[in-house]
Amino acid sequence: MNYNDALNIYSSIKGTSLIKLKSDLIKSAVRYSRLRVEWRLIDLERRKNLSQERTSAHNAFIDSCNILGREMAKIGENNRWRVLLGSERETIGDFACYLNCILGIEAG
C-alpha cells in the first residue's frame, strides 16, 4: 500500500451513495489510525493495555470495509476497491492511516 493506491481506493469509496456506511468506514479508520499511532508512541507496559482496544478497532475497520464493499455491490456500484485493498490485516490497517492522512489534507 502506498499513498497513490490509498488515494485511488478512497476516490472509489468517496463516490458511493451509501453515505452512512461510508461515514462508518471513515470514522472507524480515524479511530484505528489514532490508536495505531498512540500504540507506537507509548511504552511496552501501556502497549499491553492498549493492545486489545487496538485489535478491536482494527477488526471494526475491516468489518466496515467488508460491509461497504458488499453493499456497494448489492446496489450495482463499483466495489473493485475492496478487491484492490485485499485481505492482509497490515495493508488494511495501512489504508486506515492513509485515509486519515488524506482526510486531514483535504480539510486543510
Protein backbone atom coordinates (compact mmCIF):
# COMPACT_ATOMS: atom_id res chain seq x y z
CA MET A 1 0.00 0.00 0.00
CA ASN A 2 1.27 3.42 -0.89
CA TYR A 3 -0.27 6.89 -0.93
CA ASN A 4 -1.42 6.68 -4.56
CA ASP A 5 -3.05 3.28 -4.03
CA ALA A 6 -4.85 4.64 -0.96
CA LEU A 7 -5.94 7.75 -2.84
CA ASN A 8 -7.36 5.62 -5.67
CA ILE A 9 -9.25 3.41 -3.23
CA TYR A 10 -10.59 6.44 -1.36
CA SER A 11 -11.71 8.01 -4.65
CA SER A 12 -13.78 4.89 -5.35
CA ILE A 13 -15.31 4.94 -1.89
CA LYS A 14 -15.94 8.69 -1.97
CA GLY A 15 -18.46 8.38 -4.80
CA THR A 16 -20.78 5.86 -3.13
CA SER A 17 -24.39 6.76 -2.45
CA LEU A 18 -24.19 4.76 0.79
CA ILE A 19 -23.46 7.81 2.93
CA LYS A 20 -23.92 6.21 6.37
CA LEU A 21 -21.75 3.20 5.56
CA LYS A 22 -19.08 5.47 4.07
CA SER A 23 -19.20 7.60 7.21
CA ASP A 24 -18.91 4.50 9.41
CA LEU A 25 -15.85 3.38 7.43
CA ILE A 26 -14.20 6.78 7.73
CA LYS A 27 -14.90 7.05 11.46
CA SER A 28 -13.54 3.58 12.11
CA ALA A 29 -10.43 4.36 10.02
CA VAL A 30 -9.74 7.50 12.02
CA ARG A 31 -10.28 5.69 15.33
CA TYR A 32 -7.99 2.82 14.38
CA SER A 33 -5.26 5.07 12.97
CA ARG A 34 -5.31 7.19 16.14
CA LEU A 35 -4.86 4.06 18.27
CA ARG A 36 -2.13 2.76 15.97
CA VAL A 37 -0.14 5.96 16.37
CA GLU A 38 -0.76 6.07 20.12
CA TRP A 39 0.42 2.45 20.41
CA ARG A 40 3.62 3.39 18.56
CA LEU A 41 4.36 6.25 20.94
CA ILE A 42 3.82 4.58 24.31
CA ASP A 43 5.97 2.28 26.41
CA LEU A 44 5.74 -1.51 26.41
CA GLU A 45 3.59 -1.75 29.54
CA ARG A 46 0.99 0.67 28.21
CA ARG A 47 1.07 -1.12 24.84
CA LYS A 48 -0.10 -4.29 26.57
CA ASN A 49 -3.08 -2.38 27.97
CA LEU A 50 -3.94 -0.81 24.62
CA SER A 51 -3.41 -3.93 22.51
CA GLN A 52 -6.94 -5.34 22.83
CA GLU A 53 -8.58 -1.98 22.08
CA ARG A 54 -6.32 -1.53 19.05
CA THR A 55 -7.17 -5.01 17.74
CA SER A 56 -10.88 -4.38 18.27
CA ALA A 57 -10.67 -1.08 16.37
CA HIS A 58 -8.75 -2.80 13.57
CA ASN A 59 -11.40 -5.51 13.33
CA ALA A 60 -14.14 -2.87 13.26
CA PHE A 61 -12.41 -1.08 10.38
CA ILE A 62 -12.02 -4.31 8.42
CA ASP A 63 -15.71 -5.04 9.03
CA SER A 64 -16.62 -1.55 7.77
CA CYS A 65 -14.62 -2.15 4.59
CA ASN A 66 -16.30 -5.51 4.05
CA ILE A 67 -19.79 -4.17 4.70
CA LEU A 68 -19.40 -1.14 2.43
CA GLY A 69 -17.88 -3.23 -0.36
CA ARG A 70 -20.66 -5.82 -0.14
CA GLU A 71 -23.44 -3.22 -0.02
CA MET A 72 -21.99 -1.27 -2.92
CA ALA A 73 -22.08 -4.47 -5.00
CA LYS A 74 -25.69 -5.10 -3.99
CA ILE A 75 -26.82 -1.77 -5.42
CA GLY A 76 -24.69 -2.06 -8.54
CA GLU A 77 -21.92 0.34 -7.56
CA ASN A 78 -18.32 -0.45 -8.45
CA ASN A 79 -16.69 -2.12 -5.45
CA ARG A 80 -13.44 -3.10 -7.15
CA TRP A 81 -11.65 -1.08 -4.48
CA ARG A 82 -12.40 -3.84 -1.97
CA VAL A 83 -10.58 -6.41 -4.10
CA LEU A 84 -7.67 -3.98 -4.57
CA LEU A 85 -7.47 -3.45 -0.82
CA GLY A 86 -7.07 -7.19 -0.28
CA SER A 87 -7.30 -9.16 2.93
CA GLU A 88 -3.94 -8.62 4.62
CA ARG A 89 -4.56 -7.04 8.03
CA GLU A 90 -1.45 -4.87 7.84
CA THR A 91 -2.36 -3.49 4.42
CA ILE A 92 -5.90 -2.71 5.53
CA GLY A 93 -4.53 -1.01 8.63
CA ASP A 94 -2.14 1.00 6.48
CA PHE A 95 -5.10 2.09 4.38
CA ALA A 96 -6.83 3.39 7.53
CA CYS A 97 -3.77 5.51 8.27
CA TYR A 98 -3.52 6.79 4.70
CA LEU A 99 -7.23 7.60 4.78
CA ASN A 100 -6.77 9.62 7.95
CA CYS A 101 -3.90 11.46 6.24
CA ILE A 102 -5.92 12.13 3.07
CA LEU A 103 -8.85 13.47 5.08
CA GLY A 104 -6.54 15.73 7.07
CA ILE A 105 -5.04 17.14 3.88
CA GLU A 106 -8.49 17.63 2.33
CA ALA A 107 -9.60 19.51 5.43
CA GLY A 108 -6.64 21.92 5.16
